Amino acid sequence: MNPQLTEEEMRRALFGAPQPEEQVSAPLVDKPVQEVVLAKPVVAPAAKKKAAKAFTPRLRVTLRVGNEFEGKMTELIHEADTLSSLLAEQDAVKVARKKYKYVEVVSVKSM
């Protein structure tokens, strides 16, 4: 090998001979194609079927309420739409406090 290689000769040895750039021609323009839109056939609306209601969890909270201290107490039943007994109890007490001064929770049962 020749120790006195020029830069151009080194490039040719490493990368090969330079290839001529390809000429890119502009794409041929075709006639515009008309768009075809397919229309859906008109169908008479069918009677809507009511979906079966999904199961909603319910808890029944039984409260003893009254407005007199150590007086007459009445029993009140509140139904809550939740699985959490704590939330059902809090909701029932909140509703009962609007009308009664003294509220005592007796039980929380699922329905």
C-alpha atoms as a PDB file:
ATOM      1  CA  MET A   1       0.000   0.000   0.000  1.00  0.00           C
ATOM      2  CA  ASN A   2       1.022   3.495  -0.642  1.00  0.00           C
ATOM      3  CA  PRO A   3       1.737   5.349   2.627  1.00  0.00           C
ATOM      4  CA  GLN A   4       1.089   8.689   0.936  1.00  0.00           C
ATOM      5  CA  LEU A   5      -2.658   8.381   0.270  1.00  0.00           C
ATOM      6  CA  THR A   6      -4.672  11.492  -0.283  1.00  0.00           C
ATOM      7  CA  GLU A   7      -7.776  12.206   1.679  1.00  0.00           C
ATOM      8  CA  GLU A   8      -9.962  11.423  -1.325  1.00  0.00           C
ATOM      9  CA  GLU A   9      -8.301   8.022  -1.796  1.00  0.00           C
ATOM     10  CA  MET A  10      -8.797   7.207   1.919  1.00  0.00           C
ATOM     11  CA  ARG A  11     -12.464   8.082   1.705  1.00  0.00           C
ATOM     12  CA  ARG A  12     -12.878   5.875  -1.378  1.00  0.00           C
ATOM     13  CA  ALA A  13     -11.123   3.012   0.407  1.00  0.00           C
ATOM     14  CA  LEU A  14     -13.345   3.289   3.503  1.00  0.00           C
ATOM     15  CA  PHE A  15     -16.715   4.196   2.064  1.00  0.00           C
ATOM     16  CA  GLY A  16     -16.491   3.139  -1.552  1.00  0.00           C
ATOM     17  CA  ALA A  17     -16.888   5.207  -4.677  1.00  0.00           C
ATOM     18  CA  PRO A  18     -19.348   8.092  -4.387  1.00  0.00           C
ATOM     19  CA  GLN A  19     -22.637   7.275  -6.084  1.00  0.00           C
ATOM     20  CA  PRO A  20     -24.342   9.922  -8.144  1.00  0.00           C
ATOM     21  CA  GLU A  21     -27.394  11.380  -6.447  1.00  0.00           C
ATOM     22  CA  GLU A  22     -30.669  10.112  -7.766  1.00  0.00           C
ATOM     23  CA  GLN A  23     -32.826  12.688  -9.418  1.00  0.00           C
ATOM     24  CA  VAL A  24     -36.282  12.709  -7.936  1.00  0.00           C
ATOM     25  CA  SER A  25     -38.929  13.576 -10.454  1.00  0.00           C
ATOM     26  CA  ALA A  26     -42.171  15.227  -9.449  1.00  0.00           C
ATOM     27  CA  PRO A  27     -45.026  12.745  -9.049  1.00  0.00           C
ATOM     28  CA  LEU A  28     -47.456  12.599 -11.902  1.00  0.00           C
ATOM     29  CA  VAL A  29     -50.703  14.416 -11.248  1.00  0.00           C
ATOM     30  CA  ASP A  30     -53.734  12.269 -11.878  1.00  0.00           C
ATOM     31  CA  LYS A  31     -57.219  13.516 -12.424  1.00  0.00           C
ATOM     32  CA  PRO A  32     -59.017  14.146  -9.120  1.00  0.00           C
ATOM     33  CA  VAL A  33     -61.083  11.170  -7.991  1.00  0.00           C
ATOM     34  CA  GLN A  34     -64.610  11.925  -6.898  1.00  0.00           C
ATOM     35  CA  GLU A  35     -65.322  10.825  -3.376  1.00  0.00           C
ATOM     36  CA  VAL A  36     -68.030   8.238  -2.979  1.00  0.00           C
ATOM     37  CA  VAL A  37     -69.990   8.513   0.247  1.00  0.00           C
ATOM     38  CA  LEU A  38     -72.060   5.523   1.243  1.00  0.00           C
ATOM     39  CA  ALA A  39     -75.249   6.443   3.041  1.00  0.00           C
ATOM     40  CA  LYS A  40     -76.586   4.170   5.734  1.00  0.00           C
ATOM     41  CA  PRO A  41     -80.028   2.796   4.985  1.00  0.00           C
ATOM     42  CA  VAL A  42     -82.777   4.396   7.024  1.00  0.00           C
ATOM     43  CA  VAL A  43     -84.063   1.945   9.603  1.00  0.00           C
ATOM     44  CA  ALA A  44     -87.225   2.527  11.575  1.00  0.00           C
ATOM     45  CA  PRO A  45     -86.357   2.964  15.260  1.00  0.00           C
ATOM     46  CA  ALA A  46     -87.081  -0.211  17.149  1.00  0.00           C
ATOM     47  CA  ALA A  47     -88.791  -0.132  20.490  1.00  0.00           C
ATOM     48  CA  LYS A  48     -86.155   0.641  23.091  1.00  0.00           C
ATOM     49  CA  LYS A  49     -85.576  -2.187  25.469  1.00  0.00           C
ATOM     50  CA  LYS A  50     -85.176  -1.199  29.047  1.00  0.00           C
ATOM     51  CA  ALA A  51     -82.044  -2.670  30.470  1.00  0.00           C
ATOM     52  CA  ALA A  52     -82.486  -4.565  33.673  1.00  0.00           C
ATOM     53  CA  LYS A  53     -81.489  -2.378  36.561  1.00  0.00           C
ATOM     54  CA  ALA A  54     -78.145  -3.259  37.974  1.00  0.00           C
ATOM     55  CA  PHE A  55     -78.087  -4.392  41.563  1.00  0.00           C
ATOM     56  CA  THR A  56     -77.687  -1.449  43.878  1.00  0.00           C
ATOM     57  CA  PRO A  57     -76.372  -2.286  47.298  1.00  0.00           C
ATOM     58  CA  ARG A  58     -78.614  -1.074  50.086  1.00  0.00           C
ATOM     59  CA  LEU A  59     -78.284  -0.968  53.828  1.00  0.00           C
ATOM     60  CA  ARG A  60     -81.106  -0.472  56.298  1.00  0.00           C
ATOM     61  CA  VAL A  61     -80.197   1.656  59.324  1.00  0.00           C
ATOM     62  CA  THR A  62     -82.516   1.559  62.332  1.00  0.00           C
ATOM     63  CA  LEU A  63     -82.403   4.610  64.627  1.00  0.00           C
ATOM     64  CA  ARG A  64     -84.091   5.631  67.858  1.00  0.00           C
ATOM     65  CA  VAL A  65     -84.835   9.342  67.768  1.00  0.00           C
ATOM     66  CA  GLY A  66     -86.474  11.901  69.994  1.00  0.00           C
ATOM     67  CA  ASN A  67     -86.526  15.553  70.989  1.00  0.00           C
ATOM     68  CA  GLU A  68     -86.638  15.128  74.783  1.00  0.00           C
ATOM     69  CA  PHE A  69     -83.754  13.918  76.942  1.00  0.00           C
ATOM     70  CA  GLU A  70     -84.731  10.532  78.425  1.00  0.00           C
ATOM     71  CA  GLY A  71     -88.187  11.095  76.991  1.00  0.00           C
ATOM     72  CA  LYS A  72     -90.281   9.305  74.432  1.00  0.00           C
ATOM     73  CA  MET A  73     -88.135   7.778  71.635  1.00  0.00           C
ATOM     74  CA  THR A  74     -89.458   6.653  68.273  1.00  0.00           C
ATOM     75  CA  GLU A  75     -87.907   4.224  65.842  1.00  0.00           C
ATOM     76  CA  LEU A  76     -86.833   5.517  62.437  1.00  0.00           C
ATOM     77  CA  ILE A  77     -85.637   3.405  59.480  1.00  0.00           C
ATOM     78  CA  HIS A  78     -83.299   4.870  56.857  1.00  0.00           C
ATOM     79  CA  GLU A  79     -82.237   3.102  53.649  1.00  0.00           C
ATOM     80  CA  ALA A  80     -78.805   3.995  52.223  1.00  0.00           C
ATOM     81  CA  ASP A  81     -77.450   3.129  48.743  1.00  0.00           C
ATOM     82  CA  THR A  82     -73.960   2.074  49.762  1.00  0.00           C
ATOM     83  CA  LEU A  83     -71.986  -0.940  50.879  1.00  0.00           C
ATOM     84  CA  SER A  84     -70.205   0.916  53.647  1.00  0.00           C
ATOM     85  CA  SER A  85     -71.997   0.569  56.969  1.00  0.00           C
ATOM     86  CA  LEU A  86     -70.104   3.567  58.346  1.00  0.00           C
ATOM     87  CA  LEU A  87     -71.254   5.818  55.493  1.00  0.00           C
ATOM     88  CA  ALA A  88     -74.809   4.509  55.793  1.00  0.00           C
ATOM     89  CA  GLU A  89     -74.808   5.221  59.520  1.00  0.00           C
ATOM     90  CA  GLN A  90     -73.395   8.719  59.075  1.00  0.00           C
ATOM     91  CA  ASP A  91     -75.940   9.510  56.362  1.00  0.00           C
ATOM     92  CA  ALA A  92     -78.843   8.280  58.491  1.00  0.00           C
ATOM     93  CA  VAL A  93     -77.719  10.288  61.519  1.00  0.00           C
ATOM     94  CA  LYS A  94     -77.248  13.397  59.363  1.00  0.00           C
ATOM     95  CA  VAL A  95     -80.800  13.116  57.997  1.00  0.00           C
ATOM     96  CA  ALA A  96     -82.282  12.405  61.452  1.00  0.00           C
ATOM     97  CA  ARG A  97     -80.481  15.377  63.066  1.00  0.00           C
ATOM     98  CA  LYS A  98     -82.427  17.760  60.831  1.00  0.00           C
ATOM     99  CA  LYS A  99     -85.644  16.891  62.667  1.00  0.00           C
ATOM    100  CA  TYR A 100     -84.616  15.310  65.969  1.00  0.00           C
ATOM    101  CA  LYS A 101     -82.255  16.425  68.709  1.00  0.00           C
ATOM    102  CA  TYR A 102     -81.295  13.023  70.127  1.00  0.00           C
ATOM    103  CA  VAL A 103     -80.310  10.203  67.758  1.00  0.00           C
ATOM    104  CA  GLU A 104     -79.155   6.688  68.669  1.00  0.00           C
ATOM    105  CA  VAL A 105     -78.160   4.015  66.137  1.00  0.00           C
ATOM    106  CA  VAL A 106     -79.768   0.653  66.858  1.00  0.00           C
ATOM    107  CA  SER A 107     -78.601  -1.488  63.914  1.00  0.00           C
ATOM    108  CA  VAL A 108     -77.190  -1.480  60.387  1.00  0.00           C
ATOM    109  CA  LYS A 109     -78.295  -4.423  58.209  1.00  0.00           C
ATOM    110  CA  SER A 110     -78.011  -5.233  54.503  1.00  0.00           C
ATOM    111  CA  MET A 111     -81.205  -5.608  52.531  1.00  0.00           C
END
